[in-house]
Amino acid sequence: MYRYDEFDLGFVRERVAEFRDQVARRLSGEMTEDQFKPLRLMNGVYLQLHAYMLRVAIPYGVLSGRQMRKLAHIARKYDRDYGHFTTRQNLQFNWIKLADMPAILEELAEVEMHAIQTSGNCIRNVTADHFAGAAADETVDPRPYAEILRQWSSLHPEFSFLPRKFKLAVTGAAADRAAIQVHDIGLEAKRDAKGDIGFAVWVGGGQGRTPMIARKLRDFLPEADLLAYCEAILRVYNLEGRRDNKYKARIKILVHEKGTDEIADAIENEFASLKGKALDLPAAEIARIAAYFAPPALADLPARSAKLEAAKAADVALARFVDRNVSAHKRPGYGIVTVSLKPVGLPPGDATSAQMDAVAALAERFSADEIRVSHEQNLVLPHVRLDDLPELFAGLAAAGLATPNAGLVTDIIACPGLDYCSLANARSIPVAQRISERFADLGRQHDIGDLKIKISGCINACGHHHVGHIGILGVDRKGEEFYQITLGGSGDETCSIGEIVGPGFPADRIVDAVEQVVDAYLGLRRDPGETFLAAYRRVGLKPFQEALYADA
């Protein structure tokens, strides 16, 4: 894990002191809210429907036990005893008093955390594959490059006031767990035939009002050129991106309006002007950063755990958990554990302070003191011995964190929606809760199989509904909450934008409509092994429309 150097520590502490003075002037009335707004946004502070919200940066989703304990402490002391993990691998506290913000930022700085660039028209928190450094299918660990991009982009003077927010994601495996094709810049770290590292570069993806899949501009950008090429992309966007209309100010619109070829030429020309200058990424610097992410000291173990197999045979709950929530590790005898934050009937992505403390303790004991936050609003323990899974499972169960539903119909992504967000048109959390209650039976969930439901309370798509196998968008229709369904979306390496089925459904009909879609899939699939997404891509939209609107 990356540790702050002297520059990082000084930089964050100076920012805290600066913001403390700004908050004092706002509270005294010396500064108006309009004057204060751009300053608070630079520090991750939003004004929501009911209170101020603080968005804490978790760069590329990596936490230590110490950092998680600090987040638990802040939830207890300053909030309502919980935090909300987001689709940007961040954490939000939704009930913070403005007067407490500087103290919270000071406490975060004690454990090398901050809230800088989690809002505003700048380069946001860099996200990455939550299985990074552990996944069996990984070619290159993306975390060192995500950290390099974080350092490069933090308060970059040229890119602090972009036309709109800008998001980067990095993965190091062919199986895309970072949704790189729906980011402004998506990077896949890979190796060529000689073993050299480079990047496939995707540009112009995004969701929101105008969802678009990014265009691949480079299949193999040499490692040393990473920063220069990203700088070239940002320069072209900063110069040519629209500033007259915030809804058309993202780079995806620029790529769409100019065309892929013209944008690619502009980027390549800019890159040529930068190449060979100070932005080259030296091998020594890559090695220095990569050393922070050296794998933990893992034991040489047999691939199969007799202890685990015996425990599974005696405990069906453990067997279900291992089947759904444990993924293959690159080292024999280890597994990657997804800790679901989607218990039936509770808000997706929320964790209490007690649960955060429990995860911290379990990570320290069983996972080399590493925790990851996934963009699917779950937590991950990346380095767990298979022999330790029964004991880990018992600890998670005691904390209410052993739901065996990773990737199933109840593993729902949902934004905070109209319960918190001033931009939302409709509630997201209650819909997610009711869907999970409708599909609560684990046997039924396992029969349905892999199915990703994603819910957004407005067109900004913080719930990633565009890339849900079943996407749900809340809209306002003459003061009444309605929900539009999209089908066939996917945020993985086969990225696709969901298709709108038809007219929306009122709040009291949306759960029934989702069940109708699921039932239609079960009747259409060739066999239990054909997933929802595979079946949808085979049969198309029409059978689902017929199931939903047969009585219309």
Protein backbone atom coordinates (compact mmCIF):
# COMPACT_ATOMS: atom_id res chain seq x y z
CA MET A 1 0.00 0.00 0.00
CA TYR A 2 1.26 3.48 -0.85
CA ARG A 3 2.46 5.52 2.14
CA TYR A 4 2.56 9.31 2.18
CA ASP A 5 5.94 10.94 1.80
CA GLU A 6 6.88 14.29 3.35
CA PHE A 7 5.36 16.21 0.47
CA ASP A 8 2.03 14.36 0.75
CA LEU A 9 1.83 14.94 4.51
CA GLY A 10 2.65 18.62 4.24
CA PHE A 11 0.31 19.13 1.32
CA VAL A 12 -2.70 17.55 3.05
CA ARG A 13 -2.08 19.37 6.34
CA GLU A 14 -1.80 22.71 4.57
CA ARG A 15 -5.08 22.04 2.79
CA VAL A 16 -6.81 21.25 6.11
CA ALA A 17 -5.57 24.51 7.63
CA GLU A 18 -6.70 26.45 4.58
CA PHE A 19 -10.17 24.92 4.66
CA ARG A 20 -10.50 25.51 8.41
CA ASP A 21 -10.13 29.23 7.73
CA GLN A 22 -12.64 29.10 4.86
CA VAL A 23 -15.24 27.30 6.99
CA ALA A 24 -14.78 29.84 9.81
CA ARG A 25 -15.41 32.70 7.38
CA ARG A 26 -18.52 30.96 6.01
CA LEU A 27 -19.94 30.32 9.49
CA SER A 28 -19.28 33.91 10.56
CA GLY A 29 -21.14 35.23 7.51
CA GLU A 30 -18.02 36.83 6.08
CA MET A 31 -18.43 34.55 3.05
CA THR A 32 -21.70 33.80 1.24
CA GLU A 33 -22.74 30.28 0.24
CA ASP A 34 -22.14 31.15 -3.42
CA GLN A 35 -18.61 32.26 -2.58
CA PHE A 36 -18.03 29.21 -0.39
CA LYS A 37 -19.39 26.61 -2.80
CA PRO A 38 -16.34 26.24 -5.10
CA LEU A 39 -14.07 26.09 -2.06
CA ARG A 40 -16.03 23.36 -0.29
CA LEU A 41 -16.34 21.34 -3.48
CA MET A 42 -12.54 21.33 -3.77
CA ASN A 43 -12.58 19.56 -0.41
CA GLY A 44 -15.31 17.02 -1.16
CA VAL A 45 -18.08 18.83 0.72
CA TYR A 46 -21.57 18.86 -0.80
CA LEU A 47 -24.78 20.47 0.41
CA GLN A 48 -27.45 17.77 0.13
CA LEU A 49 -31.18 17.81 0.84
CA HIS A 50 -30.90 17.60 4.62
CA ALA A 51 -27.28 18.22 5.57
CA TYR A 52 -23.75 18.61 4.33
CA MET A 53 -22.16 15.49 2.88
CA LEU A 54 -18.46 14.68 2.91
CA ARG A 55 -17.03 12.41 0.22
CA VAL A 56 -13.78 10.80 1.33
CA ALA A 57 -11.30 9.71 -1.33
CA ILE A 58 -10.21 6.06 -1.33
CA PRO A 59 -7.68 6.05 -4.18
CA TYR A 60 -8.11 2.95 -6.38
CA GLY A 61 -10.26 1.48 -3.59
CA VAL A 62 -7.41 0.44 -1.24
CA LEU A 63 -7.68 0.71 2.57
CA SER A 64 -5.74 -0.57 5.56
CA GLY A 65 -7.33 -1.70 8.79
CA ARG A 66 -6.12 1.50 10.46
CA GLN A 67 -7.81 3.65 7.85
CA MET A 68 -11.05 1.68 8.06
CA ARG A 69 -11.05 2.12 11.84
CA LYS A 70 -10.70 5.85 11.38
CA LEU A 71 -13.71 5.89 9.04
CA ALA A 72 -15.65 3.96 11.69
CA HIS A 73 -14.61 6.49 14.33
CA ILE A 74 -15.76 9.41 12.16
CA ALA A 75 -19.10 7.70 11.55
CA ARG A 76 -19.63 7.33 15.30
CA LYS A 77 -18.38 10.74 16.38
CA TYR A 78 -19.55 13.04 13.61
CA ASP A 79 -22.27 11.23 11.62
CA ARG A 80 -25.18 8.90 12.35
CA ASP A 81 -23.00 5.83 12.93
CA TYR A 82 -22.66 4.67 9.33
CA GLY A 83 -21.04 5.47 6.01
CA HIS A 84 -22.03 4.85 2.40
CA PHE A 85 -19.55 3.24 -0.02
CA THR A 86 -20.02 4.54 -3.56
CA THR A 87 -19.57 3.44 -7.16
CA ARG A 88 -16.40 5.61 -7.31
CA GLN A 89 -14.73 3.51 -4.58
CA ASN A 90 -15.21 6.41 -2.17
CA LEU A 91 -17.03 6.76 1.15
CA GLN A 92 -19.73 9.33 1.85
CA PHE A 93 -20.84 10.64 5.23
CA ASN A 94 -24.32 12.07 4.74
CA TRP A 95 -25.03 13.89 8.02
CA ILE A 96 -21.97 16.02 8.76
CA LYS A 97 -22.11 19.46 10.39
CA LEU A 98 -20.16 22.09 8.51
CA ALA A 99 -18.44 23.22 11.69
CA ASP A 100 -17.00 19.71 12.10
CA MET A 101 -15.57 19.41 8.59
CA PRO A 102 -12.06 20.74 9.36
CA ALA A 103 -11.72 18.45 12.38
CA ILE A 104 -12.78 15.46 10.28
CA LEU A 105 -10.29 16.31 7.53
CA GLU A 106 -7.59 16.66 10.19
CA GLU A 107 -8.46 13.22 11.55
CA LEU A 108 -8.37 11.75 8.04
CA ALA A 109 -4.93 13.28 7.50
CA GLU A 110 -3.70 11.34 10.55
CA VAL A 111 -4.21 8.10 8.59
CA GLU A 112 -3.09 9.43 5.20
CA MET A 113 -6.55 10.14 3.82
CA HIS A 114 -8.29 13.21 2.43
CA ALA A 115 -11.29 14.38 0.39
CA ILE A 116 -9.47 16.39 -2.27
CA GLN A 117 -10.77 16.14 -5.85
CA THR A 118 -13.79 14.03 -4.94
CA SER A 119 -15.92 16.78 -6.48
CA GLY A 120 -15.64 19.71 -8.85
CA ASN A 121 -14.55 20.05 -12.48
CA CYS A 122 -11.24 18.30 -12.03
CA ILE A 123 -9.66 14.84 -12.34
CA ARG A 124 -11.57 12.77 -9.78
CA ASN A 125 -10.50 9.82 -7.65
CA VAL A 126 -8.69 7.29 -9.87
CA THR A 127 -10.42 3.91 -9.67
CA ALA A 128 -9.11 0.41 -10.35
CA ASP A 129 -9.89 -3.29 -10.33
CA HIS A 130 -10.82 -4.18 -6.74
CA PHE A 131 -9.06 -7.55 -7.14
CA ALA A 132 -5.79 -5.84 -8.15
CA GLY A 133 -2.63 -7.61 -7.03
CA ALA A 134 -4.53 -10.78 -6.16
CA ALA A 135 -6.63 -11.96 -9.12
CA ALA A 136 -5.64 -15.20 -10.80
CA ASP A 137 -6.31 -13.71 -14.25
CA GLU A 138 -4.29 -10.55 -13.72
CA THR A 139 -1.56 -9.71 -16.24
CA VAL A 140 -0.28 -6.50 -14.63
CA ASP A 141 -1.03 -5.02 -11.20
CA PRO A 142 -2.77 -1.72 -12.05
CA ARG A 143 -2.32 -0.10 -8.62
CA PRO A 144 1.15 1.42 -9.18
CA TYR A 145 -0.11 3.14 -12.33
CA ALA A 146 -3.27 4.32 -10.56
CA GLU A 147 -1.06 5.82 -7.85
CA ILE A 148 1.18 7.48 -10.41
CA LEU A 149 -1.89 8.97 -12.06
CA ARG A 150 -3.16 10.12 -8.66
CA GLN A 151 0.08 11.93 -7.90
CA TRP A 152 0.25 13.45 -11.37
CA SER A 153 -3.36 14.66 -11.32
CA SER A 154 -3.56 16.01 -7.76
CA LEU A 155 -4.00 19.79 -8.09
CA HIS A 156 -2.52 19.69 -11.58
CA PRO A 157 -2.52 23.43 -12.38
CA GLU A 158 -3.60 22.93 -15.99
CA PHE A 159 -6.49 20.61 -15.16
CA SER A 160 -8.03 22.02 -11.98
CA PHE A 161 -10.82 23.86 -13.86
CA LEU A 162 -11.86 21.55 -16.66
CA PRO A 163 -15.11 21.93 -18.64
CA ARG A 164 -16.56 19.16 -16.40
CA LYS A 165 -15.45 16.41 -14.03
CA PHE A 166 -13.04 13.85 -15.45
CA LYS A 167 -12.75 10.18 -14.46
CA LEU A 168 -10.00 7.61 -15.01
CA ALA A 169 -10.09 3.86 -14.37
CA VAL A 170 -7.33 1.26 -14.65
CA THR A 171 -7.41 -2.51 -14.88
CA GLY A 172 -4.72 -5.11 -15.40
CA ALA A 173 -6.74 -8.10 -16.57
CA ALA A 174 -8.65 -8.96 -19.73
CA ALA A 175 -11.75 -9.45 -17.56
CA ASP A 176 -12.70 -5.84 -16.87
CA ARG A 177 -13.72 -5.36 -13.24
CA ALA A 178 -13.14 -1.59 -13.37
CA ALA A 179 -15.67 -0.64 -16.08
CA ILE A 180 -12.98 1.16 -18.08
CA GLN A 181 -15.15 1.61 -21.19
CA VAL A 182 -17.56 3.95 -19.40
CA HIS A 183 -14.86 6.34 -18.18
CA ASP A 184 -13.39 9.48 -19.68
CA ILE A 185 -10.09 7.60 -19.89
CA GLY A 186 -9.97 3.84 -19.42
CA LEU A 187 -6.67 2.00 -19.27
CA GLU A 188 -5.94 -1.72 -19.53
CA ALA A 189 -2.39 -2.54 -18.44
CA LYS A 190 -1.07 -5.45 -20.48
CA ARG A 191 2.10 -7.09 -21.81
CA ASP A 192 3.24 -7.49 -25.40
CA ALA A 193 4.90 -10.56 -26.89
CA LYS A 194 8.26 -9.49 -25.41
CA GLY A 195 6.79 -9.09 -21.94
CA ASP A 196 6.97 -5.29 -21.98
CA ILE A 197 4.18 -3.40 -20.21
CA GLY A 198 1.88 -1.01 -22.04
CA PHE A 199 -1.73 0.14 -22.08
CA ALA A 200 -4.80 -0.16 -24.21
CA VAL A 201 -6.28 3.34 -24.04
CA TRP A 202 -10.00 4.04 -24.21
CA VAL A 203 -11.33 7.61 -24.41
CA GLY A 204 -14.77 9.19 -24.27
CA GLY A 205 -16.89 6.78 -22.28
CA GLY A 206 -19.46 7.77 -19.71
CA GLN A 207 -22.99 7.40 -18.44
CA GLY A 208 -25.31 10.16 -17.28
CA ARG A 209 -27.64 12.04 -19.61
CA THR A 210 -25.86 10.76 -22.74
CA PRO A 211 -24.38 7.30 -22.14
CA MET A 212 -21.54 6.34 -24.45
CA ILE A 213 -18.99 3.56 -24.73
CA ALA A 214 -15.41 4.78 -25.01
CA ARG A 215 -13.40 4.46 -28.22
CA LYS A 216 -10.10 2.61 -28.19
CA LEU A 217 -7.39 4.99 -29.42
CA ARG A 218 -4.33 2.88 -28.65
CA ASP A 219 -4.04 -0.89 -28.30
CA PHE A 220 -0.55 -0.73 -26.80
CA LEU A 221 0.80 2.55 -25.45
CA PRO A 222 4.33 2.01 -24.07
CA GLU A 223 4.56 2.26 -20.29
CA ALA A 224 6.92 5.24 -20.34
CA ASP A 225 4.40 7.29 -22.35
CA LEU A 226 1.50 6.93 -19.91
CA LEU A 227 1.56 10.44 -18.42
CA ALA A 228 2.41 12.20 -21.67
CA TYR A 229 -0.47 10.53 -23.49
CA CYS A 230 -2.96 11.24 -20.69
CA GLU A 231 -1.72 14.84 -20.63
CA ALA A 232 -2.31 15.07 -24.37
CA ILE A 233 -5.89 13.80 -23.96
CA LEU A 234 -6.59 16.28 -21.16
CA ARG A 235 -5.09 19.18 -23.09
CA VAL A 236 -7.25 18.51 -26.14
CA TYR A 237 -10.32 18.22 -23.93
CA ASN A 238 -9.49 21.32 -21.90
CA LEU A 239 -9.01 23.34 -25.07
CA GLU A 240 -11.90 22.03 -27.16
CA GLY A 241 -14.45 20.77 -24.62
CA ARG A 242 -17.67 22.76 -24.49
CA ARG A 243 -18.14 25.24 -21.65
CA ASP A 244 -21.39 26.78 -22.85
CA ASN A 245 -23.59 23.85 -21.75
CA LYS A 246 -22.69 21.64 -18.79
CA TYR A 247 -24.78 18.80 -20.20
CA LYS A 248 -22.55 18.71 -23.27
CA ALA A 249 -19.24 19.46 -21.59
CA ARG A 250 -17.89 15.94 -21.05
CA ILE A 251 -15.17 14.54 -23.29
CA LYS A 252 -17.59 11.88 -24.58
CA ILE A 253 -19.56 14.67 -26.30
CA LEU A 254 -16.38 16.09 -27.79
CA VAL A 255 -15.44 12.68 -29.18
CA HIS A 256 -18.95 12.20 -30.53
CA GLU A 257 -19.21 15.65 -32.15
CA LYS A 258 -15.71 15.77 -33.60
CA GLY A 259 -15.53 12.10 -34.51
CA THR A 260 -13.09 9.47 -33.33
CA ASP A 261 -10.57 10.03 -36.14
CA GLU A 262 -10.36 13.80 -35.68
CA ILE A 263 -10.00 13.54 -31.90
CA ALA A 264 -7.42 10.78 -32.24
CA ASP A 265 -5.39 12.95 -34.62
CA ALA A 266 -5.56 15.93 -32.25
CA ILE A 267 -4.43 13.78 -29.32
CA GLU A 268 -1.61 12.20 -31.30
CA ASN A 269 -0.38 15.62 -32.46
CA GLU A 270 -0.43 16.93 -28.90
CA PHE A 271 1.29 13.77 -27.69
CA ALA A 272 4.02 14.19 -30.30
CA SER A 273 4.71 17.68 -28.99
CA LEU A 274 5.12 16.32 -25.45
CA LYS A 275 7.02 13.12 -26.17
CA GLY A 276 10.60 13.05 -24.95
CA LYS A 277 10.09 15.90 -22.51
CA ALA A 278 9.75 15.90 -18.71
CA LEU A 279 6.53 13.89 -18.83
CA ASP A 280 8.30 10.66 -19.76
CA LEU A 281 7.74 8.15 -16.96
CA PRO A 282 11.18 6.91 -15.84
CA ALA A 283 11.61 3.22 -15.08
CA ALA A 284 13.17 4.11 -11.73
CA GLU A 285 10.06 6.03 -10.69
CA ILE A 286 7.78 3.18 -11.76
CA ALA A 287 9.90 0.78 -9.71
CA ARG A 288 9.80 3.12 -6.70
CA ILE A 289 6.02 3.31 -6.71
CA ALA A 290 5.60 -0.39 -7.54
CA ALA A 291 7.64 -1.28 -4.46
CA TYR A 292 4.80 0.05 -2.30
CA PHE A 293 2.55 -2.60 -3.85
CA ALA A 294 4.82 -5.60 -3.45
CA PRO A 295 2.69 -8.64 -2.67
CA PRO A 296 2.41 -9.57 1.00
CA ALA A 297 4.41 -12.50 2.35
CA LEU A 298 2.07 -15.33 1.41
CA ALA A 299 2.84 -18.92 2.37
CA ASP A 300 3.36 -21.79 -0.04
CA LEU A 301 0.16 -23.76 0.35
CA PRO A 302 -1.58 -26.62 -1.44
CA ALA A 303 -4.23 -25.51 -3.89
CA ARG A 304 -6.94 -27.48 -2.08
CA SER A 305 -7.89 -27.02 1.58
CA ALA A 306 -9.13 -30.23 3.21
CA LYS A 307 -10.10 -28.17 6.24
CA LEU A 308 -12.34 -25.92 4.14
CA GLU A 309 -13.91 -28.80 2.26
CA ALA A 310 -14.82 -30.55 5.51
CA ALA A 311 -16.28 -27.34 6.94
CA LYS A 312 -18.35 -26.75 3.80
CA ALA A 313 -19.74 -30.27 3.96
CA ALA A 314 -20.92 -29.59 7.51
CA ASP A 315 -22.26 -26.06 6.94
CA VAL A 316 -24.45 -25.23 3.93
CA ALA A 317 -24.30 -21.50 4.73
CA LEU A 318 -20.50 -21.55 4.49
CA ALA A 319 -20.68 -23.57 1.28
CA ARG A 320 -23.02 -21.00 -0.30
CA PHE A 321 -20.76 -18.15 0.81
CA VAL A 322 -17.66 -19.75 -0.67
CA ASP A 323 -19.50 -20.52 -3.90
CA ARG A 324 -20.63 -16.93 -4.49
CA ASN A 325 -18.28 -14.66 -2.55
CA VAL A 326 -14.84 -16.26 -2.93
CA SER A 327 -12.86 -15.76 -6.16
CA ALA A 328 -9.67 -17.33 -7.48
CA HIS A 329 -6.38 -15.96 -6.17
CA LYS A 330 -3.10 -16.00 -8.09
CA ARG A 331 -1.46 -17.90 -5.23
CA PRO A 332 -2.51 -21.52 -4.52
CA GLY A 333 -4.24 -21.98 -1.19
CA TYR A 334 -5.65 -18.44 -1.08
CA GLY A 335 -8.93 -16.81 -2.08
CA ILE A 336 -10.33 -13.31 -2.64
CA VAL A 337 -13.36 -12.68 -0.44
CA THR A 338 -16.14 -10.28 -1.41
CA VAL A 339 -17.86 -8.88 1.68
CA SER A 340 -21.37 -8.04 0.57
CA LEU A 341 -22.86 -4.75 1.76
CA LYS A 342 -26.24 -5.85 0.36
CA PRO A 343 -28.12 -7.65 3.17
CA VAL A 344 -31.77 -8.21 2.35
CA GLY A 345 -33.92 -5.19 3.19
CA LEU A 346 -31.11 -2.74 4.01
CA PRO A 347 -29.64 0.14 1.95
CA PRO A 348 -27.00 -1.07 -0.55
CA GLY A 349 -23.47 0.09 0.16
CA ASP A 350 -24.03 1.18 3.76
CA ALA A 351 -21.86 -0.06 6.64
CA THR A 352 -22.20 0.78 10.32
CA SER A 353 -19.23 1.83 12.41
CA ALA A 354 -19.31 -1.54 14.15
CA GLN A 355 -19.21 -3.31 10.79
CA MET A 356 -16.29 -1.16 9.62
CA ASP A 357 -14.41 -1.99 12.81
CA ALA A 358 -15.19 -5.69 12.31
CA VAL A 359 -13.88 -5.65 8.72
CA ALA A 360 -10.73 -3.85 9.88
CA ALA A 361 -10.08 -6.52 12.52
CA LEU A 362 -10.74 -9.36 10.09
CA ALA A 363 -8.48 -7.79 7.46
CA GLU A 364 -5.66 -7.44 9.95
CA ARG A 365 -6.04 -11.03 11.04
CA PHE A 366 -6.85 -12.83 7.80
CA SER A 367 -6.00 -10.60 4.79
CA ALA A 368 -2.54 -9.08 5.27
CA ASP A 369 -4.19 -5.89 6.55
CA GLU A 370 -5.68 -5.08 3.14
CA ILE A 371 -9.24 -4.04 2.31
CA ARG A 372 -10.62 -3.00 -1.05
CA VAL A 373 -13.74 -1.03 -1.95
CA SER A 374 -15.40 -2.18 -5.18
CA HIS A 375 -17.28 0.03 -7.61
CA GLU A 376 -20.16 -2.38 -7.00
CA GLN A 377 -20.46 -1.01 -3.44
CA ASN A 378 -18.99 -4.02 -1.66
CA LEU A 379 -15.78 -4.59 0.30
CA VAL A 380 -13.07 -7.09 -0.57
CA LEU A 381 -10.51 -8.98 1.51
CA PRO A 382 -7.94 -9.86 -1.16
CA HIS A 383 -5.54 -12.33 0.50
CA VAL A 384 -7.33 -14.96 2.61
CA ARG A 385 -6.04 -18.49 3.22
CA LEU A 386 -8.58 -21.08 2.23
CA ASP A 387 -7.94 -22.76 5.60
CA ASP A 388 -9.06 -19.54 7.31
CA LEU A 389 -12.35 -19.15 5.43
CA PRO A 390 -14.53 -20.95 8.02
CA GLU A 391 -13.28 -18.68 10.81
CA LEU A 392 -13.48 -15.58 8.64
CA PHE A 393 -17.02 -16.50 7.63
CA ALA A 394 -18.01 -16.81 11.29
CA GLY A 395 -16.59 -13.34 11.98
CA LEU A 396 -18.43 -11.83 9.05
CA ALA A 397 -21.66 -13.54 10.07
CA ALA A 398 -21.36 -12.11 13.59
CA ALA A 399 -21.11 -8.63 12.04
CA GLY A 400 -24.06 -9.18 9.66
CA LEU A 401 -21.71 -9.25 6.66
CA ALA A 402 -21.92 -12.84 5.44
CA THR A 403 -24.66 -12.49 2.82
CA PRO A 404 -23.73 -15.00 0.05
CA ASN A 405 -25.07 -12.96 -2.86
CA ALA A 406 -22.10 -11.54 -4.79
CA GLY A 407 -23.24 -11.08 -8.39
CA LEU A 408 -26.79 -12.27 -7.70
CA VAL A 409 -30.09 -10.47 -8.08
CA THR A 410 -29.95 -8.96 -4.56
CA ASP A 411 -26.39 -7.62 -5.01
CA ILE A 412 -27.92 -4.33 -6.17
CA ILE A 413 -26.09 -1.09 -6.89
CA ALA A 414 -28.08 1.98 -5.89
CA CYS A 415 -27.28 5.66 -5.52
CA PRO A 416 -28.55 7.56 -2.44
CA GLY A 417 -31.42 8.97 -4.54
CA LEU A 418 -34.09 11.35 -3.31
CA ASP A 419 -33.62 10.28 0.30
CA TYR A 420 -30.41 12.36 0.34
CA CYS A 421 -29.46 13.88 -2.99
CA SER A 422 -30.65 17.32 -4.07
CA LEU A 423 -30.26 16.35 -7.74
CA ALA A 424 -32.42 13.22 -7.59
CA ASN A 425 -35.92 12.89 -9.05
CA ALA A 426 -36.89 9.65 -7.32
CA ARG A 427 -35.94 7.34 -4.49
CA SER A 428 -33.45 4.55 -5.17
CA ILE A 429 -32.86 2.97 -1.77
CA PRO A 430 -36.45 1.88 -1.03
CA VAL A 431 -36.73 0.30 -4.50
CA ALA A 432 -33.51 -1.65 -3.93
CA GLN A 433 -34.73 -2.75 -0.51
CA ARG A 434 -38.06 -3.98 -1.86
CA ILE A 435 -36.43 -5.85 -4.75
CA SER A 436 -34.04 -7.60 -2.39
CA GLU A 437 -36.94 -8.56 -0.14
CA ARG A 438 -38.89 -9.92 -3.13
CA PHE A 439 -35.93 -12.11 -4.12
CA ALA A 440 -34.74 -12.89 -0.59
CA ASP A 441 -34.90 -16.66 -0.94
CA LEU A 442 -31.32 -17.83 -1.54
CA GLY A 443 -32.42 -20.90 -3.47
CA ARG A 444 -34.30 -18.69 -5.88
CA GLN A 445 -31.33 -16.32 -6.22
CA HIS A 446 -28.98 -19.16 -7.07
CA ASP A 447 -31.45 -20.56 -9.60
CA ILE A 448 -31.61 -17.16 -11.33
CA GLY A 449 -27.80 -16.94 -11.36
CA ASP A 450 -25.62 -13.98 -12.35
CA LEU A 451 -27.77 -10.88 -12.67
CA LYS A 452 -26.76 -7.27 -12.02
CA ILE A 453 -29.48 -4.78 -11.10
CA LYS A 454 -28.41 -1.12 -10.93
CA ILE A 455 -30.61 1.78 -9.83
CA SER A 456 -30.21 5.55 -10.26
CA GLY A 457 -32.47 8.22 -8.82
CA CYS A 458 -31.79 10.64 -11.67
CA ILE A 459 -30.22 10.91 -15.10
CA ASN A 460 -26.77 11.56 -13.63
CA ALA A 461 -26.52 7.75 -13.32
CA CYS A 462 -24.50 7.49 -10.10
CA GLY A 463 -26.10 4.04 -9.73
CA HIS A 464 -24.68 2.98 -13.13
CA HIS A 465 -28.12 1.92 -14.38
CA HIS A 466 -27.03 2.21 -18.01
CA VAL A 467 -24.72 -0.79 -17.60
CA GLY A 468 -27.00 -2.91 -15.45
CA HIS A 469 -28.27 -6.18 -16.87
CA ILE A 470 -31.48 -4.69 -15.52
CA GLY A 471 -31.18 -0.94 -15.13
CA ILE A 472 -33.71 1.22 -13.29
CA LEU A 473 -33.86 5.00 -13.68
CA GLY A 474 -36.04 7.13 -11.43
CA VAL A 475 -37.81 10.02 -13.16
CA ASP A 476 -40.27 12.68 -12.09
CA ARG A 477 -43.59 12.66 -13.93
CA LYS A 478 -45.74 15.59 -12.85
CA GLY A 479 -44.64 15.25 -9.25
CA GLU A 480 -44.91 11.44 -9.14
CA GLU A 481 -41.96 9.05 -9.03
CA PHE A 482 -41.78 6.73 -12.04
CA TYR A 483 -39.13 4.19 -12.96
CA GLN A 484 -37.81 3.43 -16.43
CA ILE A 485 -36.34 -0.02 -17.10
CA THR A 486 -33.38 -0.72 -19.38
CA LEU A 487 -32.12 -4.20 -20.28
CA GLY A 488 -28.89 -5.67 -21.60
CA GLY A 489 -26.35 -3.26 -20.19
CA SER A 490 -22.92 -4.41 -19.06
CA GLY A 491 -19.87 -2.66 -17.64
CA ASP A 492 -17.36 -5.44 -18.27
CA GLU A 493 -15.08 -6.14 -21.23
CA THR A 494 -18.20 -6.78 -23.36
CA CYS A 495 -19.50 -3.32 -22.45
CA SER A 496 -22.97 -2.37 -23.64
CA ILE A 497 -25.55 0.32 -22.85
CA GLY A 498 -28.95 -0.99 -21.80
CA GLU A 499 -31.96 -0.52 -24.08
CA ILE A 500 -35.08 1.23 -22.81
CA VAL A 501 -37.93 -1.28 -22.64
CA GLY A 502 -40.82 1.17 -22.85
CA PRO A 503 -42.95 3.42 -20.64
CA GLY A 504 -41.94 3.71 -16.99
CA PHE A 505 -43.66 2.18 -13.99
CA PRO A 506 -45.00 3.89 -10.88
CA ALA A 507 -43.30 3.17 -7.55
CA ASP A 508 -45.93 0.61 -6.55
CA ARG A 509 -45.39 -1.37 -9.80
CA ILE A 510 -41.63 -1.33 -10.33
CA VAL A 511 -40.80 -4.37 -8.17
CA ASP A 512 -43.50 -6.42 -9.93
CA ALA A 513 -42.07 -5.31 -13.26
CA VAL A 514 -38.57 -6.46 -12.31
CA GLU A 515 -39.98 -9.82 -11.28
CA GLN A 516 -41.77 -10.10 -14.61
CA VAL A 517 -38.48 -9.49 -16.41
CA VAL A 518 -36.75 -12.16 -14.33
CA ASP A 519 -39.56 -14.65 -14.86
CA ALA A 520 -39.46 -13.98 -18.60
CA TYR A 521 -35.73 -14.73 -18.59
CA LEU A 522 -36.25 -18.00 -16.73
CA GLY A 523 -38.74 -19.04 -19.38
CA LEU A 524 -36.45 -18.02 -22.24
CA ARG A 525 -33.07 -19.38 -21.18
CA ARG A 526 -31.83 -22.50 -22.91
CA ASP A 527 -30.58 -24.09 -19.70
CA PRO A 528 -29.63 -23.03 -16.15
CA GLY A 529 -26.14 -22.19 -17.36
CA GLU A 530 -27.30 -19.44 -19.73
CA THR A 531 -27.03 -16.14 -17.85
CA PHE A 532 -29.53 -13.31 -18.07
CA LEU A 533 -27.16 -11.21 -20.19
CA ALA A 534 -26.42 -14.08 -22.57
CA ALA A 535 -30.11 -14.85 -22.97
CA TYR A 536 -30.96 -11.20 -23.55
CA ARG A 537 -28.28 -10.84 -26.20
CA ARG A 538 -29.60 -13.94 -27.92
CA VAL A 539 -33.34 -13.13 -27.95
CA GLY A 540 -33.34 -9.32 -27.84
CA LEU A 541 -35.77 -6.84 -26.34
CA LYS A 542 -39.09 -7.96 -27.79
CA PRO A 543 -39.91 -10.98 -25.55
CA PHE A 544 -39.34 -8.85 -22.46
CA GLN A 545 -41.50 -6.04 -23.80
CA GLU A 546 -44.26 -8.54 -24.43
CA ALA A 547 -43.99 -9.86 -20.87
CA LEU A 548 -44.07 -6.37 -19.35
CA TYR A 549 -46.78 -4.75 -21.47
CA ALA A 550 -49.02 -7.70 -22.33
CA ASP A 551 -51.97 -6.07 -20.58
CA ALA A 552 -51.29 -2.55 -21.81
